[in-house]
């Protein structure tokens, strides 16, 4: 598999100041001064993971490969399949803080970049608010999810040309395909909503408390919460979704499963997207009710994600309750 991780996201926005506050005070990223109409943000030992620019595409997804040989091989495969590829200029590579990159579009017109040689920072990561840190490393920045008009039509491009592995898929309440490029359950997904554009990108935190405190901060801002706290059925992520300054969502999560790509068997799922929670505040009441019903049905069937502290536990009783009983 040539592509190894989601390396960065580039967001086109005319609201850079709003992104400053959103990325640092809510998400906990570190702002990096870049100038030239760019805002850049760190999450780890890389010089940047998120770039906000005042021109260009609404969103660009940056994928990572191991080296120049892998980049050249992917470029050749894309061109052989009829996808035009542009070699990134030195200026663009410097802007992205990478050694070399190529740029192209998927069949729907989504702007994609693939690079090798990310630049590392020479100072420690300093979060914008107190958090334990982001789960990145070999798993990459997180994941990106697209609205697509026809998920089935795009499947050959991502699976057969880019080489993404299918993790799972579902057909209810709409077509959903999830893909892995490393041990992260999915680094990419497509939502067959009939629309186009970025649905959300996800960042994973090192602690559930990071997420819970972020949820509290988001709830203090009028209209910031898009999905309430909940847990997904397939990747087991506990997360909430925030409305970004650019209109798409950012998922803020913890506790996602890690898979073994060598032994993973792709399969269809039937339990809906969430085990509980994830009340979709951005939807009208009827649509919210449909999504809620899927979670209720899964709960009625006893669907559960693996528990990190599975029972049964010894029946040792409850000290507080025993003390109350003895007083009676």
C-alpha atoms as a PDB file:
ATOM      1  CA  UNK A   1       0.000   0.000   0.000  1.00  0.00           C
ATOM      2  CA  UNK A   2       1.742   3.191  -1.181  1.00  0.00           C
ATOM      3  CA  UNK A   3      -0.165   5.723   0.914  1.00  0.00           C
ATOM      4  CA  UNK A   4       0.688   5.337   4.586  1.00  0.00           C
ATOM      5  CA  UNK A   5      -1.304   8.031   6.437  1.00  0.00           C
ATOM      6  CA  UNK A   6      -3.365  11.194   6.331  1.00  0.00           C
ATOM      7  CA  UNK A   7      -0.589  13.773   6.598  1.00  0.00           C
ATOM      8  CA  UNK A   8      -2.307  17.157   6.613  1.00  0.00           C
ATOM      9  CA  UNK A   9      -5.449  19.116   5.809  1.00  0.00           C
ATOM     10  CA  UNK A  10      -5.548  22.431   3.927  1.00  0.00           C
ATOM     11  CA  UNK A  11      -8.633  24.590   4.423  1.00  0.00           C
ATOM     12  CA  UNK A  12      -9.488  27.569   2.228  1.00  0.00           C
ATOM     13  CA  UNK A  13     -11.169  30.244   4.338  1.00  0.00           C
ATOM     14  CA  UNK A  14     -11.760  33.978   4.464  1.00  0.00           C
ATOM     15  CA  UNK A  15     -12.163  33.728   8.248  1.00  0.00           C
ATOM     16  CA  UNK A  16      -8.604  33.102   9.474  1.00  0.00           C
ATOM     17  CA  UNK A  17      -9.149  34.794  12.850  1.00  0.00           C
ATOM     18  CA  UNK A  18     -12.102  32.514  13.569  1.00  0.00           C
ATOM     19  CA  UNK A  19      -9.929  29.529  12.695  1.00  0.00           C
ATOM     20  CA  UNK A  20      -7.272  30.768  15.123  1.00  0.00           C
ATOM     21  CA  UNK A  21      -9.658  30.595  18.042  1.00  0.00           C
ATOM     22  CA  UNK A  22     -11.316  27.366  16.915  1.00  0.00           C
ATOM     23  CA  UNK A  23      -8.071  25.466  16.313  1.00  0.00           C
ATOM     24  CA  UNK A  24      -6.284  26.616  19.476  1.00  0.00           C
ATOM     25  CA  UNK A  25      -8.853  27.304  22.210  1.00  0.00           C
ATOM     26  CA  UNK A  26     -11.228  24.462  21.318  1.00  0.00           C
ATOM     27  CA  UNK A  27      -9.192  21.824  19.484  1.00  0.00           C
ATOM     28  CA  UNK A  28      -5.980  22.499  21.425  1.00  0.00           C
ATOM     29  CA  UNK A  29      -3.672  22.864  18.424  1.00  0.00           C
ATOM     30  CA  UNK A  30      -0.642  25.145  18.460  1.00  0.00           C
ATOM     31  CA  UNK A  31      -0.584  28.084  16.070  1.00  0.00           C
ATOM     32  CA  UNK A  32       2.577  28.503  14.012  1.00  0.00           C
ATOM     33  CA  UNK A  33       3.336  31.921  12.527  1.00  0.00           C
ATOM     34  CA  UNK A  34       3.749  31.576   8.774  1.00  0.00           C
ATOM     35  CA  UNK A  35       2.671  34.865   7.132  1.00  0.00           C
ATOM     36  CA  UNK A  36       1.761  35.307   3.478  1.00  0.00           C
ATOM     37  CA  UNK A  37      -1.955  34.757   4.054  1.00  0.00           C
ATOM     38  CA  UNK A  38      -1.418  31.389   5.752  1.00  0.00           C
ATOM     39  CA  UNK A  39      -2.313  30.142   9.219  1.00  0.00           C
ATOM     40  CA  UNK A  40      -0.669  26.878  10.268  1.00  0.00           C
ATOM     41  CA  UNK A  41      -1.264  24.698  13.296  1.00  0.00           C
ATOM     42  CA  UNK A  42       0.732  21.920  14.946  1.00  0.00           C
ATOM     43  CA  UNK A  43      -0.520  18.748  16.621  1.00  0.00           C
ATOM     44  CA  UNK A  44       2.727  16.901  17.285  1.00  0.00           C
ATOM     45  CA  UNK A  45       6.387  16.890  16.220  1.00  0.00           C
ATOM     46  CA  UNK A  46       5.533  17.930  12.648  1.00  0.00           C
ATOM     47  CA  UNK A  47       5.915  21.603  11.770  1.00  0.00           C
ATOM     48  CA  UNK A  48       2.252  21.681  10.784  1.00  0.00           C
ATOM     49  CA  UNK A  49      -0.768  19.450  10.341  1.00  0.00           C
ATOM     50  CA  UNK A  50      -3.533  21.951   9.563  1.00  0.00           C
ATOM     51  CA  UNK A  51      -3.135  24.834   7.109  1.00  0.00           C
ATOM     52  CA  UNK A  52      -5.710  27.606   6.675  1.00  0.00           C
ATOM     53  CA  UNK A  53      -5.279  29.716   3.534  1.00  0.00           C
ATOM     54  CA  UNK A  54      -7.308  32.655   2.276  1.00  0.00           C
ATOM     55  CA  UNK A  55      -7.295  31.411  -1.318  1.00  0.00           C
ATOM     56  CA  UNK A  56      -7.537  28.131  -3.187  1.00  0.00           C
ATOM     57  CA  UNK A  57      -9.782  25.085  -2.853  1.00  0.00           C
ATOM     58  CA  UNK A  58     -12.303  24.849   0.003  1.00  0.00           C
ATOM     59  CA  UNK A  59     -10.327  21.834   1.263  1.00  0.00           C
ATOM     60  CA  UNK A  60      -7.301  19.791   0.202  1.00  0.00           C
ATOM     61  CA  UNK A  61      -6.510  16.365   1.683  1.00  0.00           C
ATOM     62  CA  UNK A  62      -2.789  15.647   1.976  1.00  0.00           C
ATOM     63  CA  UNK A  63      -1.750  11.983   1.923  1.00  0.00           C
ATOM     64  CA  UNK A  64       1.703  10.688   2.884  1.00  0.00           C
ATOM     65  CA  UNK A  65       3.965   8.114   1.219  1.00  0.00           C
ATOM     66  CA  UNK A  66       7.298   6.751   2.390  1.00  0.00           C
ATOM     67  CA  UNK A  67       9.711   8.209  -0.153  1.00  0.00           C
ATOM     68  CA  UNK A  68      10.326   9.558  -3.657  1.00  0.00           C
ATOM     69  CA  UNK A  69      10.100   6.093  -5.219  1.00  0.00           C
ATOM     70  CA  UNK A  70       6.629   5.544  -3.766  1.00  0.00           C
ATOM     71  CA  UNK A  71       5.543   9.008  -4.917  1.00  0.00           C
ATOM     72  CA  UNK A  72       6.749   8.388  -8.474  1.00  0.00           C
ATOM     73  CA  UNK A  73       5.063   4.987  -8.589  1.00  0.00           C
ATOM     74  CA  UNK A  74       1.747   6.446  -7.442  1.00  0.00           C
ATOM     75  CA  UNK A  75       1.988   9.294  -9.970  1.00  0.00           C
ATOM     76  CA  UNK A  76       2.584   6.770 -12.761  1.00  0.00           C
ATOM     77  CA  UNK A  77      -0.375   4.642 -11.652  1.00  0.00           C
ATOM     78  CA  UNK A  78      -2.668   7.669 -11.566  1.00  0.00           C
ATOM     79  CA  UNK A  79      -1.615   8.838 -15.020  1.00  0.00           C
ATOM     80  CA  UNK A  80      -1.981   5.341 -16.464  1.00  0.00           C
ATOM     81  CA  UNK A  81      -5.551   5.330 -15.127  1.00  0.00           C
ATOM     82  CA  UNK A  82      -6.301   8.637 -16.838  1.00  0.00           C
ATOM     83  CA  UNK A  83      -5.969  10.970 -13.839  1.00  0.00           C
ATOM     84  CA  UNK A  84      -3.884  14.078 -14.649  1.00  0.00           C
ATOM     85  CA  UNK A  85      -1.098  14.672 -12.113  1.00  0.00           C
ATOM     86  CA  UNK A  86       0.728  17.941 -11.419  1.00  0.00           C
ATOM     87  CA  UNK A  87       4.162  18.015  -9.805  1.00  0.00           C
ATOM     88  CA  UNK A  88       4.101  20.484  -6.936  1.00  0.00           C
ATOM     89  CA  UNK A  89       6.401  23.498  -7.266  1.00  0.00           C
ATOM     90  CA  UNK A  90       9.211  24.173  -4.830  1.00  0.00           C
ATOM     91  CA  UNK A  91       7.161  27.045  -3.460  1.00  0.00           C
ATOM     92  CA  UNK A  92       4.158  24.791  -2.833  1.00  0.00           C
ATOM     93  CA  UNK A  93       6.356  22.130  -1.193  1.00  0.00           C
ATOM     94  CA  UNK A  94       7.802  24.785   1.120  1.00  0.00           C
ATOM     95  CA  UNK A  95       4.301  26.010   1.928  1.00  0.00           C
ATOM     96  CA  UNK A  96       3.263  22.462   2.782  1.00  0.00           C
ATOM     97  CA  UNK A  97       6.558  21.897   4.664  1.00  0.00           C
ATOM     98  CA  UNK A  98       7.386  18.713   2.725  1.00  0.00           C
ATOM     99  CA  UNK A  99      10.209  17.540   0.472  1.00  0.00           C
ATOM    100  CA  UNK A 100       8.117  16.799  -2.629  1.00  0.00           C
ATOM    101  CA  UNK A 101       4.469  16.422  -3.600  1.00  0.00           C
ATOM    102  CA  UNK A 102       2.035  15.797  -6.425  1.00  0.00           C
ATOM    103  CA  UNK A 103      -1.485  17.219  -6.856  1.00  0.00           C
ATOM    104  CA  UNK A 104      -4.566  15.782  -8.594  1.00  0.00           C
ATOM    105  CA  UNK A 105      -8.327  15.417  -8.222  1.00  0.00           C
ATOM    106  CA  UNK A 106     -10.581  12.459  -7.617  1.00  0.00           C
ATOM    107  CA  UNK A 107     -13.366  11.833 -10.176  1.00  0.00           C
ATOM    108  CA  UNK A 108     -15.714  14.071  -8.186  1.00  0.00           C
ATOM    109  CA  UNK A 109     -13.254  16.975  -8.233  1.00  0.00           C
ATOM    110  CA  UNK A 110     -11.905  16.708  -4.674  1.00  0.00           C
ATOM    111  CA  UNK A 111      -8.433  18.267  -4.439  1.00  0.00           C
ATOM    112  CA  UNK A 112      -5.849  15.718  -3.263  1.00  0.00           C
ATOM    113  CA  UNK A 113      -2.115  15.922  -2.647  1.00  0.00           C
ATOM    114  CA  UNK A 114       0.418  13.196  -1.937  1.00  0.00           C
ATOM    115  CA  UNK A 115       3.811  13.973  -0.439  1.00  0.00           C
ATOM    116  CA  UNK A 116       6.900  12.529   1.157  1.00  0.00           C
ATOM    117  CA  UNK A 117       9.445  13.962   3.592  1.00  0.00           C
ATOM    118  CA  UNK A 118       7.466  16.012   6.132  1.00  0.00           C
ATOM    119  CA  UNK A 119       9.462  18.667   8.001  1.00  0.00           C
ATOM    120  CA  UNK A 120       9.857  18.146  11.740  1.00  0.00           C
ATOM    121  CA  UNK A 121       9.735  20.935  14.309  1.00  0.00           C
ATOM    122  CA  UNK A 122      12.777  21.815  16.381  1.00  0.00           C
ATOM    123  CA  UNK A 123      10.715  22.719  19.475  1.00  0.00           C
ATOM    124  CA  UNK A 124       8.263  20.666  21.550  1.00  0.00           C
ATOM    125  CA  UNK A 125       4.551  20.787  20.786  1.00  0.00           C
ATOM    126  CA  UNK A 126       2.771  23.358  22.992  1.00  0.00           C
ATOM    127  CA  UNK A 127      -1.020  22.854  22.958  1.00  0.00           C
ATOM    128  CA  UNK A 128      -3.372  25.801  22.682  1.00  0.00           C
ATOM    129  CA  UNK A 129      -5.236  24.617  25.793  1.00  0.00           C
ATOM    130  CA  UNK A 130      -4.360  21.980  28.405  1.00  0.00           C
ATOM    131  CA  UNK A 131      -4.681  18.568  26.698  1.00  0.00           C
ATOM    132  CA  UNK A 132      -2.693  15.349  26.940  1.00  0.00           C
ATOM    133  CA  UNK A 133      -1.942  15.472  23.213  1.00  0.00           C
ATOM    134  CA  UNK A 134      -3.110  14.058  19.893  1.00  0.00           C
ATOM    135  CA  UNK A 135      -2.899  10.448  18.748  1.00  0.00           C
ATOM    136  CA  UNK A 136      -0.878  10.706  15.531  1.00  0.00           C
ATOM    137  CA  UNK A 137       2.483   9.028  14.741  1.00  0.00           C
ATOM    138  CA  UNK A 138       2.129   6.059  12.360  1.00  0.00           C
ATOM    139  CA  UNK A 139      -1.672   6.495  12.441  1.00  0.00           C
ATOM    140  CA  UNK A 140      -1.416   9.923  10.825  1.00  0.00           C
ATOM    141  CA  UNK A 141      -3.284  13.138  11.530  1.00  0.00           C
ATOM    142  CA  UNK A 142      -6.682  11.441  11.877  1.00  0.00           C
ATOM    143  CA  UNK A 143      -9.287  10.841   9.197  1.00  0.00           C
ATOM    144  CA  UNK A 144     -11.155  12.764   6.497  1.00  0.00           C
ATOM    145  CA  UNK A 145     -14.715  12.097   5.312  1.00  0.00           C
ATOM    146  CA  UNK A 146     -16.264  13.343   2.073  1.00  0.00           C
ATOM    147  CA  UNK A 147     -19.804  13.994   0.939  1.00  0.00           C
ATOM    148  CA  UNK A 148     -20.134  12.239  -2.424  1.00  0.00           C
ATOM    149  CA  UNK A 149     -22.842  12.054  -5.048  1.00  0.00           C
ATOM    150  CA  UNK A 150     -22.273   8.343  -5.753  1.00  0.00           C
ATOM    151  CA  UNK A 151     -20.118   6.290  -3.391  1.00  0.00           C
ATOM    152  CA  UNK A 152     -20.208   3.187  -5.595  1.00  0.00           C
ATOM    153  CA  UNK A 153     -18.856   5.160  -8.564  1.00  0.00           C
ATOM    154  CA  UNK A 154     -15.889   6.482  -6.549  1.00  0.00           C
ATOM    155  CA  UNK A 155     -15.023   3.131  -4.967  1.00  0.00           C
ATOM    156  CA  UNK A 156     -12.655   1.945  -7.767  1.00  0.00           C
ATOM    157  CA  UNK A 157     -10.623   5.164  -7.609  1.00  0.00           C
ATOM    158  CA  UNK A 158      -9.875   4.987  -3.899  1.00  0.00           C
ATOM    159  CA  UNK A 159      -9.672   1.206  -3.592  1.00  0.00           C
ATOM    160  CA  UNK A 160      -8.015   0.152  -6.853  1.00  0.00           C
ATOM    161  CA  UNK A 161      -5.947   3.171  -7.911  1.00  0.00           C
ATOM    162  CA  UNK A 162      -4.954   4.789  -4.620  1.00  0.00           C
ATOM    163  CA  UNK A 163      -4.818   1.393  -2.921  1.00  0.00           C
ATOM    164  CA  UNK A 164      -6.955   2.139   0.133  1.00  0.00           C
ATOM    165  CA  UNK A 165      -8.160  -0.927   2.008  1.00  0.00           C
ATOM    166  CA  UNK A 166     -11.915  -1.231   2.571  1.00  0.00           C
ATOM    167  CA  UNK A 167     -12.586  -1.584   6.287  1.00  0.00           C
ATOM    168  CA  UNK A 168     -16.373  -1.815   6.242  1.00  0.00           C
ATOM    169  CA  UNK A 169     -19.450  -0.325   4.626  1.00  0.00           C
ATOM    170  CA  UNK A 170     -23.134   0.174   5.284  1.00  0.00           C
ATOM    171  CA  UNK A 171     -26.201   1.105   3.260  1.00  0.00           C
ATOM    172  CA  UNK A 172     -28.375   2.576   6.035  1.00  0.00           C
ATOM    173  CA  UNK A 173     -29.333   5.387   6.416  1.00  0.00           C
ATOM    174  CA  UNK A 174     -27.176   6.179   3.345  1.00  0.00           C
ATOM    175  CA  UNK A 175     -24.232   4.522   1.577  1.00  0.00           C
ATOM    176  CA  UNK A 176     -21.060   4.722   3.680  1.00  0.00           C
ATOM    177  CA  UNK A 177     -17.618   3.340   2.822  1.00  0.00           C
ATOM    178  CA  UNK A 178     -14.700   3.348   5.292  1.00  0.00           C
ATOM    179  CA  UNK A 179     -11.070   2.823   4.207  1.00  0.00           C
ATOM    180  CA  UNK A 180      -7.806   2.193   6.050  1.00  0.00           C
ATOM    181  CA  UNK A 181      -4.215   2.919   5.012  1.00  0.00           C
ATOM    182  CA  UNK A 182      -2.606   1.869   8.320  1.00  0.00           C
ATOM    183  CA  UNK A 183      -3.824   0.532  11.661  1.00  0.00           C
ATOM    184  CA  UNK A 184      -6.344   3.325  12.183  1.00  0.00           C
ATOM    185  CA  UNK A 185      -9.811   1.848  11.576  1.00  0.00           C
ATOM    186  CA  UNK A 186     -10.357   4.424   8.855  1.00  0.00           C
ATOM    187  CA  UNK A 187      -8.281   7.291   7.556  1.00  0.00           C
ATOM    188  CA  UNK A 188     -10.848   8.061   4.868  1.00  0.00           C
ATOM    189  CA  UNK A 189     -14.576   7.586   4.344  1.00  0.00           C
ATOM    190  CA  UNK A 190     -17.269   8.533   1.828  1.00  0.00           C
ATOM    191  CA  UNK A 191     -20.856   9.468   2.699  1.00  0.00           C
ATOM    192  CA  UNK A 192     -23.212   8.938  -0.232  1.00  0.00           C
ATOM    193  CA  UNK A 193     -25.328  11.966   0.625  1.00  0.00           C
ATOM    194  CA  UNK A 194     -25.766  13.125  -2.964  1.00  0.00           C
ATOM    195  CA  UNK A 195     -23.694  16.212  -2.205  1.00  0.00           C
ATOM    196  CA  UNK A 196     -19.998  17.000  -2.675  1.00  0.00           C
ATOM    197  CA  UNK A 197     -17.362  18.526  -0.425  1.00  0.00           C
ATOM    198  CA  UNK A 198     -15.754  17.825   2.935  1.00  0.00           C
ATOM    199  CA  UNK A 199     -18.113  16.365   5.549  1.00  0.00           C
ATOM    200  CA  UNK A 200     -15.546  16.430   8.377  1.00  0.00           C
ATOM    201  CA  UNK A 201     -12.040  15.671   9.456  1.00  0.00           C
ATOM    202  CA  UNK A 202     -11.269  13.945  12.756  1.00  0.00           C
ATOM    203  CA  UNK A 203      -8.521  14.377  15.324  1.00  0.00           C
ATOM    204  CA  UNK A 204      -8.053  11.856  18.134  1.00  0.00           C
ATOM    205  CA  UNK A 205      -7.000  12.836  21.641  1.00  0.00           C
ATOM    206  CA  UNK A 206      -4.949  10.997  24.233  1.00  0.00           C
ATOM    207  CA  UNK A 207      -7.584  11.194  26.966  1.00  0.00           C
ATOM    208  CA  UNK A 208     -11.359  10.946  27.247  1.00  0.00           C
ATOM    209  CA  UNK A 209     -11.219  13.955  29.558  1.00  0.00           C
ATOM    210  CA  UNK A 210      -9.683  16.009  26.731  1.00  0.00           C
ATOM    211  CA  UNK A 211     -12.778  15.239  24.680  1.00  0.00           C
ATOM    212  CA  UNK A 212     -15.239  15.827  27.507  1.00  0.00           C
ATOM    213  CA  UNK A 213     -13.687  19.177  28.345  1.00  0.00           C
ATOM    214  CA  UNK A 214     -13.726  20.106  24.666  1.00  0.00           C
ATOM    215  CA  UNK A 215     -17.413  19.197  24.541  1.00  0.00           C
ATOM    216  CA  UNK A 216     -18.074  21.555  27.471  1.00  0.00           C
ATOM    217  CA  UNK A 217     -16.174  24.366  25.737  1.00  0.00           C
ATOM    218  CA  UNK A 218     -18.063  23.838  22.484  1.00  0.00           C
ATOM    219  CA  UNK A 219     -21.388  23.869  24.334  1.00  0.00           C
ATOM    220  CA  UNK A 220     -20.588  27.348  25.666  1.00  0.00           C
ATOM    221  CA  UNK A 221     -20.579  28.765  22.123  1.00  0.00           C
ATOM    222  CA  UNK A 222     -23.890  29.354  20.386  1.00  0.00           C
ATOM    223  CA  UNK A 223     -24.162  27.010  17.401  1.00  0.00           C
ATOM    224  CA  UNK A 224     -20.749  25.388  17.844  1.00  0.00           C
ATOM    225  CA  UNK A 225     -21.957  21.847  18.656  1.00  0.00           C
ATOM    226  CA  UNK A 226     -23.114  19.858  15.635  1.00  0.00           C
ATOM    227  CA  UNK A 227     -23.256  16.350  17.207  1.00  0.00           C
ATOM    228  CA  UNK A 228     -23.383  15.772  20.945  1.00  0.00           C
ATOM    229  CA  UNK A 229     -21.064  13.300  22.679  1.00  0.00           C
ATOM    230  CA  UNK A 230     -21.567   9.740  21.450  1.00  0.00           C
ATOM    231  CA  UNK A 231     -19.835   6.507  20.416  1.00  0.00           C
ATOM    232  CA  UNK A 232     -19.550   5.073  16.914  1.00  0.00           C
ATOM    233  CA  UNK A 233     -20.458   1.495  16.100  1.00  0.00           C
ATOM    234  CA  UNK A 234     -17.625   0.568  13.753  1.00  0.00           C
ATOM    235  CA  UNK A 235     -14.472   2.326  15.002  1.00  0.00           C
ATOM    236  CA  UNK A 236     -15.687   2.583  18.640  1.00  0.00           C
ATOM    237  CA  UNK A 237     -14.668   6.249  18.805  1.00  0.00           C
ATOM    238  CA  UNK A 238     -16.183   8.344  21.590  1.00  0.00           C
ATOM    239  CA  UNK A 239     -16.497  11.828  20.152  1.00  0.00           C
ATOM    240  CA  UNK A 240     -18.466  14.962  19.445  1.00  0.00           C
ATOM    241  CA  UNK A 241     -18.606  17.068  16.290  1.00  0.00           C
ATOM    242  CA  UNK A 242     -18.131  20.828  16.134  1.00  0.00           C
ATOM    243  CA  UNK A 243     -19.171  23.255  13.418  1.00  0.00           C
ATOM    244  CA  UNK A 244     -15.958  24.692  11.979  1.00  0.00           C
ATOM    245  CA  UNK A 245     -15.620  28.291  10.740  1.00  0.00           C
ATOM    246  CA  UNK A 246     -15.735  26.886   7.184  1.00  0.00           C
ATOM    247  CA  UNK A 247     -19.079  25.134   7.563  1.00  0.00           C
ATOM    248  CA  UNK A 248     -17.906  21.514   7.633  1.00  0.00           C
ATOM    249  CA  UNK A 249     -17.558  19.535  10.863  1.00  0.00           C
ATOM    250  CA  UNK A 250     -14.534  18.583  12.938  1.00  0.00           C
ATOM    251  CA  UNK A 251     -14.846  15.354  14.926  1.00  0.00           C
ATOM    252  CA  UNK A 252     -13.037  15.421  18.267  1.00  0.00           C
ATOM    253  CA  UNK A 253     -12.585  11.912  19.616  1.00  0.00           C
ATOM    254  CA  UNK A 254     -10.892   9.334  21.811  1.00  0.00           C
ATOM    255  CA  UNK A 255     -10.558   5.569  22.051  1.00  0.00           C
ATOM    256  CA  UNK A 256     -10.828   4.412  18.435  1.00  0.00           C
ATOM    257  CA  UNK A 257      -9.913   0.839  17.632  1.00  0.00           C
ATOM    258  CA  UNK A 258      -6.705  -0.105  15.840  1.00  0.00           C
ATOM    259  CA  UNK A 259      -6.897  -2.903  13.277  1.00  0.00           C
ATOM    260  CA  UNK A 260      -4.368  -5.199  11.608  1.00  0.00           C
ATOM    261  CA  UNK A 261      -4.605  -4.426   7.876  1.00  0.00           C
ATOM    262  CA  UNK A 262      -2.908  -7.723   6.997  1.00  0.00           C
ATOM    263  CA  UNK A 263      -5.673  -9.832   8.532  1.00  0.00           C
ATOM    264  CA  UNK A 264      -8.686  -7.518   8.436  1.00  0.00           C
ATOM    265  CA  UNK A 265     -11.747  -8.829   6.551  1.00  0.00           C
ATOM    266  CA  UNK A 266     -13.965  -6.124   4.979  1.00  0.00           C
ATOM    267  CA  UNK A 267     -17.624  -6.507   5.875  1.00  0.00           C
ATOM    268  CA  UNK A 268     -20.999  -4.807   5.775  1.00  0.00           C
ATOM    269  CA  UNK A 269     -22.371  -3.331   9.004  1.00  0.00           C
ATOM    270  CA  UNK A 270     -26.045  -3.017   9.935  1.00  0.00           C
ATOM    271  CA  UNK A 271     -26.152  -1.117  13.236  1.00  0.00           C
ATOM    272  CA  UNK A 272     -26.189   2.500  12.080  1.00  0.00           C
ATOM    273  CA  UNK A 273     -23.367   4.950  12.727  1.00  0.00           C
ATOM    274  CA  UNK A 274     -23.656   5.428  16.514  1.00  0.00           C
ATOM    275  CA  UNK A 275     -24.212   3.168  19.515  1.00  0.00           C
ATOM    276  CA  UNK A 276     -25.494   6.059  21.609  1.00  0.00           C
ATOM    277  CA  UNK A 277     -25.438   9.831  21.644  1.00  0.00           C
ATOM    278  CA  UNK A 278     -24.262  11.833  18.614  1.00  0.00           C
ATOM    279  CA  UNK A 279     -27.531  13.768  18.598  1.00  0.00           C
ATOM    280  CA  UNK A 280     -27.296  15.575  15.286  1.00  0.00           C
ATOM    281  CA  UNK A 281     -28.193  19.096  16.290  1.00  0.00           C
ATOM    282  CA  UNK A 282     -27.697  20.425  12.762  1.00  0.00           C
ATOM    283  CA  UNK A 283     -30.482  18.255  11.317  1.00  0.00           C
ATOM    284  CA  UNK A 284     -34.211  19.047  11.269  1.00  0.00           C
ATOM    285  CA  UNK A 285     -36.314  17.162  13.873  1.00  0.00           C
ATOM    286  CA  UNK A 286     -37.549  14.412  11.519  1.00  0.00           C
ATOM    287  CA  UNK A 287     -34.048  13.531  10.320  1.00  0.00           C
ATOM    288  CA  UNK A 288     -32.708  13.641  13.901  1.00  0.00           C
ATOM    289  CA  UNK A 289     -35.434  11.207  14.949  1.00  0.00           C
ATOM    290  CA  UNK A 290     -34.483   8.747  12.186  1.00  0.00           C
ATOM    291  CA  UNK A 291     -30.840   8.755  13.292  1.00  0.00           C
ATOM    292  CA  UNK A 292     -31.834   8.393  16.935  1.00  0.00           C
ATOM    293  CA  UNK A 293     -34.046   5.409  16.090  1.00  0.00           C
ATOM    294  CA  UNK A 294     -31.083   3.528  14.606  1.00  0.00           C
ATOM    295  CA  UNK A 295     -29.170   3.841  17.887  1.00  0.00           C
ATOM    296  CA  UNK A 296     -32.211   2.792  19.913  1.00  0.00           C
ATOM    297  CA  UNK A 297     -32.660  -0.291  17.715  1.00  0.00           C
ATOM    298  CA  UNK A 298     -28.986  -1.245  18.128  1.00  0.00           C
ATOM    299  CA  UNK A 299     -29.294  -0.851  21.894  1.00  0.00           C
ATOM    300  CA  UNK A 300     -32.406  -3.048  21.929  1.00  0.00           C
ATOM    301  CA  UNK A 301     -30.389  -5.785  20.207  1.00  0.00           C
ATOM    302  CA  UNK A 302     -27.650  -5.473  22.819  1.00  0.00           C
ATOM    303  CA  UNK A 303     -25.004  -4.103  20.465  1.00  0.00           C
ATOM    304  CA  UNK A 304     -21.921  -3.057  22.424  1.00  0.00           C
ATOM    305  CA  UNK A 305     -18.355  -2.025  21.696  1.00  0.00           C
ATOM    306  CA  UNK A 306     -15.617  -3.944  23.543  1.00  0.00           C
ATOM    307  CA  UNK A 307     -15.219  -2.742  27.118  1.00  0.00           C
ATOM    308  CA  UNK A 308     -11.657  -1.912  28.254  1.00  0.00           C
ATOM    309  CA  UNK A 309     -12.571  -3.382  31.683  1.00  0.00           C
ATOM    310  CA  UNK A 310     -14.877  -6.277  30.809  1.00  0.00           C
ATOM    311  CA  UNK A 311     -16.986  -8.019  33.431  1.00  0.00           C
ATOM    312  CA  UNK A 312     -18.308 -10.025  35.082  1.00  0.00           C
ATOM    313  CA  UNK A 313     -16.893  -8.645  38.290  1.00  0.00           C
ATOM    314  CA  UNK A 314     -16.905 -10.371  41.702  1.00  0.00           C
ATOM    315  CA  UNK A 315     -20.064  -9.626  43.660  1.00  0.00           C
ATOM    316  CA  UNK A 316     -18.267  -7.768  46.431  1.00  0.00           C
ATOM    317  CA  UNK A 317     -21.171  -5.430  47.113  1.00  0.00           C
ATOM    318  CA  UNK A 318     -21.218  -1.663  47.384  1.00  0.00           C
ATOM    319  CA  UNK A 319     -19.624  -0.229  50.527  1.00  0.00           C
ATOM    320  CA  UNK A 320     -21.818   2.867  50.506  1.00  0.00           C
ATOM    321  CA  UNK A 321     -25.027   0.876  50.072  1.00  0.00           C
ATOM    322  CA  UNK A 322     -23.967  -1.660  52.741  1.00  0.00           C
ATOM    323  CA  UNK A 323     -23.344   1.173  55.201  1.00  0.00           C
ATOM    324  CA  UNK A 324     -26.792   2.651  54.544  1.00  0.00           C
ATOM    325  CA  UNK A 325     -28.446  -0.739  55.005  1.00  0.00           C
ATOM    326  CA  UNK A 326     -26.656  -1.331  58.315  1.00  0.00           C
ATOM    327  CA  UNK A 327     -28.003   1.985  59.632  1.00  0.00           C
ATOM    328  CA  UNK A 328     -31.601   0.952  59.009  1.00  0.00           C
END
